[in-house]
N, C-alpha and C. Protein backbone atom coordinates (compact mmCIF):
# COMPACT_ATOMS: atom_id res chain seq x y z
N MET A 1 0.73 -5.84 17.65
CA MET A 1 0.89 -6.66 16.48
C MET A 1 -0.21 -6.34 15.46
N ALA A 2 0.02 -6.79 14.26
CA ALA A 2 -0.96 -6.60 13.19
C ALA A 2 -2.25 -7.31 13.54
N LYS A 3 -3.34 -6.65 13.21
CA LYS A 3 -4.62 -7.29 13.42
C LYS A 3 -4.79 -8.38 12.38
N LYS A 4 -5.08 -9.59 12.83
CA LYS A 4 -5.41 -10.67 11.90
C LYS A 4 -6.90 -10.60 11.66
N LYS A 5 -7.29 -10.63 10.42
CA LYS A 5 -8.70 -10.53 10.06
C LYS A 5 -9.20 -11.87 9.55
N THR A 6 -10.46 -11.90 9.26
CA THR A 6 -11.07 -13.10 8.70
C THR A 6 -10.64 -13.24 7.25
N GLU A 7 -11.43 -13.93 6.45
CA GLU A 7 -11.10 -14.15 5.06
C GLU A 7 -11.03 -12.86 4.26
N GLU A 8 -11.64 -11.77 4.75
CA GLU A 8 -11.61 -10.50 4.04
C GLU A 8 -10.20 -9.97 3.90
N SER A 9 -9.41 -10.04 4.96
CA SER A 9 -8.04 -9.53 4.88
C SER A 9 -7.14 -10.34 5.80
N LEU A 10 -5.90 -10.45 5.39
CA LEU A 10 -4.90 -11.14 6.20
C LEU A 10 -4.33 -10.21 7.26
N LEU A 11 -4.10 -8.96 6.85
CA LEU A 11 -3.56 -7.95 7.76
C LEU A 11 -4.31 -6.64 7.58
N ASP A 12 -4.47 -5.93 8.67
CA ASP A 12 -5.07 -4.60 8.67
C ASP A 12 -4.13 -3.72 9.49
N LEU A 13 -3.37 -2.85 8.81
CA LEU A 13 -2.31 -2.09 9.47
C LEU A 13 -2.55 -0.60 9.39
N PRO A 14 -2.46 0.11 10.52
CA PRO A 14 -2.45 1.57 10.44
C PRO A 14 -1.17 1.99 9.74
N ALA A 15 -1.25 2.98 8.86
CA ALA A 15 -0.08 3.36 8.07
C ALA A 15 -0.06 4.87 7.82
N SER A 16 1.14 5.35 7.57
CA SER A 16 1.34 6.72 7.10
C SER A 16 1.79 6.63 5.66
N PHE A 17 1.14 7.38 4.79
CA PHE A 17 1.52 7.40 3.38
C PHE A 17 2.57 8.48 3.18
N GLY A 18 3.55 8.15 2.36
CA GLY A 18 4.60 9.11 2.04
C GLY A 18 4.34 9.72 0.68
N SER A 19 5.40 9.80 -0.11
CA SER A 19 5.27 10.42 -1.42
C SER A 19 4.67 9.44 -2.43
N VAL A 20 4.12 10.02 -3.48
CA VAL A 20 3.57 9.28 -4.60
C VAL A 20 4.44 9.60 -5.81
N SER A 21 4.78 8.57 -6.59
CA SER A 21 5.58 8.82 -7.79
C SER A 21 5.06 7.97 -8.94
N PHE A 22 5.38 8.40 -10.15
CA PHE A 22 4.94 7.71 -11.35
C PHE A 22 6.14 7.41 -12.22
N GLY A 23 6.20 6.16 -12.71
CA GLY A 23 7.20 5.76 -13.69
C GLY A 23 6.51 5.57 -15.02
N LYS A 24 7.21 4.97 -15.98
CA LYS A 24 6.62 4.73 -17.30
C LYS A 24 5.42 3.80 -17.21
N LYS A 25 5.55 2.76 -16.38
CA LYS A 25 4.49 1.75 -16.29
C LYS A 25 3.96 1.58 -14.88
N THR A 26 4.44 2.36 -13.94
CA THR A 26 4.09 2.14 -12.54
C THR A 26 3.63 3.42 -11.85
N ALA A 27 2.91 3.20 -10.78
CA ALA A 27 2.52 4.26 -9.85
C ALA A 27 2.84 3.72 -8.46
N ARG A 28 3.57 4.50 -7.68
CA ARG A 28 4.08 4.00 -6.39
C ARG A 28 3.74 4.97 -5.27
N VAL A 29 3.39 4.39 -4.12
CA VAL A 29 3.18 5.17 -2.91
C VAL A 29 4.01 4.54 -1.80
N GLY A 30 4.71 5.37 -1.05
CA GLY A 30 5.48 4.90 0.09
C GLY A 30 4.59 4.81 1.33
N LEU A 31 4.87 3.82 2.17
CA LEU A 31 4.12 3.64 3.41
C LEU A 31 5.09 3.42 4.56
N THR A 32 4.66 3.84 5.74
CA THR A 32 5.39 3.58 6.97
C THR A 32 4.40 3.01 7.98
N VAL A 33 4.82 1.91 8.62
CA VAL A 33 3.99 1.25 9.64
C VAL A 33 4.81 1.18 10.93
N GLU A 34 4.21 1.51 12.05
CA GLU A 34 4.89 1.39 13.34
C GLU A 34 5.19 -0.08 13.62
N ARG A 35 6.38 -0.36 14.13
CA ARG A 35 6.79 -1.75 14.37
C ARG A 35 5.92 -2.46 15.40
N GLU A 36 5.23 -1.72 16.22
CA GLU A 36 4.34 -2.37 17.19
C GLU A 36 3.16 -3.06 16.50
N HIS A 37 2.92 -2.74 15.21
CA HIS A 37 1.79 -3.31 14.48
C HIS A 37 2.16 -4.48 13.57
N ILE A 38 3.46 -4.68 13.33
CA ILE A 38 3.89 -5.78 12.47
C ILE A 38 5.29 -6.22 12.89
N ASN A 39 5.45 -7.54 13.11
CA ASN A 39 6.77 -8.01 13.51
C ASN A 39 7.62 -8.30 12.27
N LEU A 40 8.91 -8.47 12.48
CA LEU A 40 9.83 -8.66 11.36
C LEU A 40 9.55 -9.93 10.57
N SER A 41 9.16 -10.99 11.24
CA SER A 41 8.86 -12.24 10.55
C SER A 41 7.68 -12.07 9.60
N THR A 42 6.64 -11.42 10.06
CA THR A 42 5.47 -11.16 9.22
C THR A 42 5.83 -10.22 8.08
N ALA A 43 6.60 -9.19 8.37
CA ALA A 43 7.04 -8.26 7.32
C ALA A 43 7.83 -9.00 6.26
N ASP A 44 8.73 -9.88 6.68
CA ASP A 44 9.55 -10.62 5.73
C ASP A 44 8.70 -11.52 4.84
N LYS A 45 7.71 -12.18 5.41
CA LYS A 45 6.84 -13.07 4.64
C LYS A 45 5.87 -12.31 3.74
N THR A 46 5.54 -11.08 4.12
CA THR A 46 4.50 -10.33 3.44
C THR A 46 5.04 -9.25 2.51
N LEU A 47 6.19 -8.66 2.84
CA LEU A 47 6.65 -7.45 2.15
C LEU A 47 7.96 -7.61 1.39
N CYS A 48 8.40 -8.82 1.19
CA CYS A 48 9.67 -9.02 0.50
C CYS A 48 9.45 -9.82 -0.77
N ASP A 49 9.50 -9.13 -1.92
CA ASP A 49 9.30 -9.78 -3.21
C ASP A 49 7.92 -10.41 -3.32
N ARG A 50 6.90 -9.64 -2.99
CA ARG A 50 5.53 -10.15 -2.98
C ARG A 50 4.59 -9.29 -3.82
N ARG A 51 3.56 -9.93 -4.32
CA ARG A 51 2.46 -9.25 -5.01
C ARG A 51 1.26 -9.31 -4.06
N LEU A 52 0.76 -8.16 -3.70
CA LEU A 52 -0.30 -8.06 -2.70
C LEU A 52 -1.60 -7.56 -3.33
N THR A 53 -2.69 -8.17 -2.92
CA THR A 53 -4.01 -7.63 -3.23
C THR A 53 -4.38 -6.79 -2.02
N VAL A 54 -4.54 -5.49 -2.24
CA VAL A 54 -4.67 -4.56 -1.12
C VAL A 54 -5.85 -3.62 -1.29
N THR A 55 -6.23 -3.06 -0.16
CA THR A 55 -7.08 -1.88 -0.13
C THR A 55 -6.33 -0.87 0.72
N ILE A 56 -6.12 0.32 0.17
CA ILE A 56 -5.50 1.38 0.96
C ILE A 56 -6.56 2.43 1.26
N PHE A 57 -6.54 2.88 2.49
CA PHE A 57 -7.48 3.90 2.96
C PHE A 57 -6.67 5.09 3.46
N ALA A 58 -7.02 6.27 3.05
CA ALA A 58 -6.41 7.48 3.59
C ALA A 58 -7.49 8.24 4.33
N ASN A 59 -7.18 8.61 5.57
CA ASN A 59 -8.14 9.37 6.37
C ASN A 59 -8.34 10.75 5.78
N GLY A 60 -9.44 11.39 6.17
CA GLY A 60 -9.69 12.75 5.75
C GLY A 60 -8.58 13.67 6.22
N GLU A 61 -8.39 14.76 5.54
CA GLU A 61 -7.34 15.72 5.89
C GLU A 61 -7.44 16.11 7.36
N GLY A 62 -6.33 15.98 8.07
CA GLY A 62 -6.27 16.37 9.47
C GLY A 62 -6.75 15.34 10.46
N ASP A 63 -7.33 14.23 10.00
CA ASP A 63 -7.81 13.18 10.91
C ASP A 63 -6.63 12.43 11.51
N GLN A 64 -6.80 11.96 12.70
CA GLN A 64 -5.81 11.12 13.35
C GLN A 64 -6.13 9.66 13.06
N PRO A 65 -5.10 8.78 13.08
CA PRO A 65 -5.37 7.36 12.84
C PRO A 65 -6.41 6.84 13.82
N GLY A 66 -7.37 6.07 13.31
CA GLY A 66 -8.39 5.47 14.16
C GLY A 66 -9.53 6.41 14.52
N GLN A 67 -9.46 7.66 14.09
CA GLN A 67 -10.52 8.61 14.43
C GLN A 67 -11.82 8.20 13.75
N GLN A 68 -12.92 8.20 14.50
CA GLN A 68 -14.22 7.84 13.95
C GLN A 68 -14.72 8.97 13.05
N ARG A 69 -15.40 8.60 11.98
CA ARG A 69 -15.92 9.57 11.01
C ARG A 69 -17.44 9.65 11.13
N LEU A 70 -17.99 10.80 10.85
CA LEU A 70 -19.43 10.97 10.81
C LEU A 70 -19.96 10.45 9.48
N ALA A 71 -21.17 9.94 9.48
CA ALA A 71 -21.79 9.45 8.24
C ALA A 71 -21.85 10.59 7.24
N GLY A 72 -21.55 10.28 5.99
CA GLY A 72 -21.62 11.29 4.94
C GLY A 72 -20.33 12.05 4.71
N MET A 73 -19.32 11.84 5.53
CA MET A 73 -18.05 12.52 5.33
C MET A 73 -17.37 11.85 4.14
N ASP A 74 -17.01 12.65 3.14
CA ASP A 74 -16.53 12.04 1.91
C ASP A 74 -15.07 12.34 1.60
N ASP A 75 -14.30 12.82 2.57
CA ASP A 75 -12.91 13.11 2.24
C ASP A 75 -11.97 11.97 2.60
N ASN A 76 -12.52 10.81 2.99
CA ASN A 76 -11.71 9.61 3.13
C ASN A 76 -11.48 9.04 1.72
N LEU A 77 -10.33 8.43 1.50
CA LEU A 77 -10.01 7.85 0.20
C LEU A 77 -9.87 6.35 0.35
N GLU A 78 -10.30 5.62 -0.66
CA GLU A 78 -10.17 4.16 -0.67
C GLU A 78 -9.81 3.72 -2.07
N LEU A 79 -8.79 2.87 -2.16
CA LEU A 79 -8.35 2.35 -3.45
C LEU A 79 -8.04 0.87 -3.31
N VAL A 80 -8.61 0.07 -4.19
CA VAL A 80 -8.40 -1.38 -4.20
C VAL A 80 -7.55 -1.71 -5.42
N GLY A 81 -6.54 -2.56 -5.22
CA GLY A 81 -5.71 -2.93 -6.35
C GLY A 81 -4.70 -4.01 -6.00
N VAL A 82 -3.85 -4.28 -6.97
CA VAL A 82 -2.77 -5.26 -6.81
C VAL A 82 -1.47 -4.49 -6.93
N ALA A 83 -0.59 -4.69 -5.95
CA ALA A 83 0.67 -3.95 -5.91
C ALA A 83 1.82 -4.89 -5.59
N ASP A 84 2.97 -4.56 -6.12
CA ASP A 84 4.19 -5.30 -5.81
C ASP A 84 4.97 -4.58 -4.73
N VAL A 85 5.58 -5.37 -3.86
CA VAL A 85 6.50 -4.85 -2.85
C VAL A 85 7.78 -5.64 -3.00
N LYS A 86 8.87 -4.95 -3.28
CA LYS A 86 10.13 -5.66 -3.52
C LYS A 86 10.96 -5.79 -2.25
N SER A 87 10.87 -4.80 -1.36
CA SER A 87 11.69 -4.82 -0.15
C SER A 87 11.07 -3.89 0.89
N PHE A 88 11.60 -3.95 2.09
CA PHE A 88 11.17 -3.04 3.15
C PHE A 88 12.40 -2.59 3.93
N GLY A 89 12.26 -1.45 4.58
CA GLY A 89 13.32 -0.91 5.42
C GLY A 89 12.90 -0.97 6.87
N VAL A 90 13.86 -1.27 7.74
CA VAL A 90 13.58 -1.38 9.17
C VAL A 90 14.28 -0.25 9.90
N HIS A 91 13.54 0.44 10.72
CA HIS A 91 14.07 1.51 11.56
C HIS A 91 13.74 1.17 13.00
N SER A 92 14.21 1.96 13.92
CA SER A 92 14.02 1.61 15.33
C SER A 92 12.55 1.49 15.72
N THR A 93 11.69 2.31 15.15
CA THR A 93 10.28 2.26 15.52
C THR A 93 9.33 2.00 14.36
N THR A 94 9.86 1.95 13.12
CA THR A 94 8.98 1.80 11.96
C THR A 94 9.53 0.82 10.94
N ILE A 95 8.64 0.37 10.07
CA ILE A 95 8.99 -0.39 8.88
C ILE A 95 8.42 0.39 7.71
N SER A 96 9.24 0.60 6.69
CA SER A 96 8.78 1.37 5.52
C SER A 96 8.96 0.55 4.25
N PHE A 97 8.08 0.80 3.28
CA PHE A 97 8.09 0.07 2.02
C PHE A 97 7.26 0.84 1.01
N GLY A 98 7.31 0.41 -0.23
CA GLY A 98 6.51 1.04 -1.26
C GLY A 98 5.57 0.04 -1.90
N LEU A 99 4.39 0.50 -2.23
CA LEU A 99 3.43 -0.29 -3.01
C LEU A 99 3.52 0.21 -4.44
N THR A 100 3.89 -0.69 -5.35
CA THR A 100 4.03 -0.32 -6.76
C THR A 100 2.90 -0.96 -7.56
N PHE A 101 2.05 -0.11 -8.09
CA PHE A 101 0.89 -0.54 -8.87
C PHE A 101 1.19 -0.39 -10.36
N ASN A 102 0.47 -1.10 -11.20
CA ASN A 102 0.50 -0.89 -12.63
C ASN A 102 -0.22 0.44 -12.88
N SER A 103 0.43 1.37 -13.57
CA SER A 103 -0.16 2.70 -13.74
C SER A 103 -1.45 2.65 -14.57
N LYS A 104 -1.58 1.71 -15.50
CA LYS A 104 -2.82 1.59 -16.27
C LYS A 104 -3.98 1.21 -15.35
N GLU A 105 -3.71 0.28 -14.42
CA GLU A 105 -4.74 -0.13 -13.47
C GLU A 105 -5.15 1.06 -12.58
N ILE A 106 -4.18 1.82 -12.13
CA ILE A 106 -4.47 2.98 -11.28
C ILE A 106 -5.29 4.00 -12.06
N LYS A 107 -4.94 4.27 -13.30
CA LYS A 107 -5.69 5.23 -14.11
C LYS A 107 -7.13 4.78 -14.31
N ARG A 108 -7.34 3.47 -14.58
CA ARG A 108 -8.71 2.96 -14.74
C ARG A 108 -9.49 3.10 -13.43
N THR A 109 -8.85 2.71 -12.33
CA THR A 109 -9.52 2.75 -11.02
C THR A 109 -9.86 4.17 -10.62
N THR A 110 -8.92 5.08 -10.78
CA THR A 110 -9.17 6.47 -10.37
C THR A 110 -10.19 7.13 -11.29
N ALA A 111 -10.22 6.74 -12.56
CA ALA A 111 -11.22 7.29 -13.48
C ALA A 111 -12.63 6.89 -13.03
N LYS A 112 -12.78 5.66 -12.56
CA LYS A 112 -14.09 5.17 -12.11
C LYS A 112 -14.52 5.82 -10.80
N THR A 113 -13.56 6.01 -9.89
CA THR A 113 -13.91 6.48 -8.55
C THR A 113 -13.79 8.00 -8.38
N GLY A 114 -13.04 8.66 -9.27
CA GLY A 114 -12.82 10.09 -9.13
C GLY A 114 -11.73 10.43 -8.13
N ILE A 115 -11.13 9.42 -7.50
CA ILE A 115 -10.03 9.64 -6.55
C ILE A 115 -8.75 9.85 -7.34
N GLN A 116 -7.94 10.79 -6.92
CA GLN A 116 -6.63 11.00 -7.52
C GLN A 116 -5.58 10.27 -6.69
N PHE A 117 -4.72 9.49 -7.34
CA PHE A 117 -3.69 8.73 -6.63
C PHE A 117 -2.79 9.67 -5.83
N ASN A 118 -2.52 10.85 -6.36
CA ASN A 118 -1.69 11.84 -5.65
C ASN A 118 -2.28 12.24 -4.29
N ASP A 119 -3.59 12.11 -4.14
CA ASP A 119 -4.25 12.51 -2.90
C ASP A 119 -3.87 11.64 -1.71
N PHE A 120 -3.24 10.48 -1.96
CA PHE A 120 -2.79 9.62 -0.85
C PHE A 120 -1.51 10.14 -0.21
N ALA A 121 -0.77 10.97 -0.90
CA ALA A 121 0.52 11.45 -0.41
C ALA A 121 0.38 12.19 0.92
N ALA A 122 1.29 11.85 1.85
CA ALA A 122 1.42 12.55 3.14
C ALA A 122 0.14 12.53 3.97
N ARG A 123 -0.58 11.42 3.96
CA ARG A 123 -1.79 11.28 4.78
C ARG A 123 -1.67 10.06 5.67
N GLU A 124 -2.47 10.03 6.69
CA GLU A 124 -2.58 8.88 7.58
C GLU A 124 -3.69 7.99 7.07
N GLY A 125 -3.61 6.72 7.38
CA GLY A 125 -4.67 5.81 6.95
C GLY A 125 -4.37 4.39 7.36
N ARG A 126 -4.73 3.46 6.48
CA ARG A 126 -4.42 2.07 6.79
C ARG A 126 -4.30 1.26 5.51
N LEU A 127 -3.67 0.12 5.68
CA LEU A 127 -3.44 -0.82 4.60
C LEU A 127 -4.08 -2.14 4.98
N MET A 128 -4.97 -2.62 4.13
CA MET A 128 -5.54 -3.95 4.34
C MET A 128 -5.00 -4.86 3.24
N ILE A 129 -4.40 -5.97 3.65
CA ILE A 129 -3.84 -6.93 2.71
C ILE A 129 -4.76 -8.14 2.68
N ALA A 130 -5.34 -8.41 1.51
CA ALA A 130 -6.29 -9.50 1.36
C ALA A 130 -5.62 -10.78 0.86
N GLN A 131 -4.54 -10.61 0.09
CA GLN A 131 -3.88 -11.78 -0.49
C GLN A 131 -2.41 -11.48 -0.70
N VAL A 132 -1.57 -12.49 -0.48
CA VAL A 132 -0.12 -12.37 -0.67
C VAL A 132 0.32 -13.47 -1.63
N ASP A 133 0.97 -13.07 -2.72
CA ASP A 133 1.49 -14.02 -3.71
C ASP A 133 2.93 -13.65 -4.02
N GLU A 134 3.66 -14.59 -4.61
CA GLU A 134 4.99 -14.29 -5.09
C GLU A 134 4.88 -13.57 -6.42
N ILE A 135 5.83 -12.69 -6.71
CA ILE A 135 5.89 -12.07 -8.02
C ILE A 135 6.39 -13.14 -8.99
N PRO A 136 5.69 -13.36 -10.10
CA PRO A 136 6.12 -14.40 -11.04
C PRO A 136 7.56 -14.19 -11.53
N GLU A 137 8.30 -15.29 -11.68
CA GLU A 137 9.70 -15.24 -12.08
C GLU A 137 9.91 -14.49 -13.38
N ASP A 138 9.03 -14.71 -14.37
CA ASP A 138 9.21 -14.05 -15.66
C ASP A 138 9.09 -12.53 -15.53
N GLU A 139 8.26 -12.05 -14.60
CA GLU A 139 8.14 -10.61 -14.38
C GLU A 139 9.35 -10.05 -13.64
N LYS A 140 9.91 -10.83 -12.73
CA LYS A 140 11.14 -10.41 -12.04
C LYS A 140 12.27 -10.23 -13.04
N LYS A 141 12.41 -11.20 -13.97
CA LYS A 141 13.47 -11.14 -14.97
C LYS A 141 13.26 -9.95 -15.91
N ALA A 142 12.02 -9.70 -16.30
CA ALA A 142 11.72 -8.57 -17.18
C ALA A 142 12.08 -7.26 -16.50
N ASP A 143 11.77 -7.13 -15.19
CA ASP A 143 12.13 -5.93 -14.44
C ASP A 143 13.64 -5.75 -14.41
N ASP A 144 14.38 -6.84 -14.19
CA ASP A 144 15.83 -6.75 -14.14
C ASP A 144 16.42 -6.34 -15.48
N GLU A 145 15.86 -6.85 -16.57
CA GLU A 145 16.38 -6.53 -17.91
C GLU A 145 16.05 -5.12 -18.33
N GLU A 146 14.83 -4.65 -18.03
CA GLU A 146 14.40 -3.31 -18.43
C GLU A 146 14.87 -2.23 -17.48
N GLY A 147 15.18 -2.61 -16.26
CA GLY A 147 15.47 -1.61 -15.23
C GLY A 147 14.19 -1.23 -14.54
N ASP A 148 14.25 -0.95 -13.28
CA ASP A 148 13.06 -0.61 -12.50
C ASP A 148 12.77 0.86 -12.67
N ASP A 149 11.55 1.20 -13.03
CA ASP A 149 11.22 2.61 -13.25
C ASP A 149 10.49 3.22 -12.07
N GLU A 150 10.70 2.70 -10.89
CA GLU A 150 10.04 3.24 -9.71
C GLU A 150 10.63 4.56 -9.38
């Protein structure tokens, strides 16, 4: 099951990052989590029409999930932000979903840290969820009217 954390994070999940894509106003990364780490009830409450305050970590190239790192190793990636999750997919052994960030926020964050959002693609890592909120109704309606650019 998902690790329950203290006030720092609600969930800490090992994850595989998929592709990264950019829309007019969004930046999205796909994630896959093994079902042994999150049950369907938790996924439904956390990953269905929710706005998440998250930290995503990508391990260094070639690292295995949970592998310990030596001090000073700088090829791990870390990005803190707010992302929307509209839905998730369930497979026999995994749950998959996308984190959709505001592209302006991603550009500001990556400019400060020097991390490229594309560098998360096709890497292993983890997702820490610090806060779960509903997506405001007015934003849902605006997405429906404009069309989703994910």
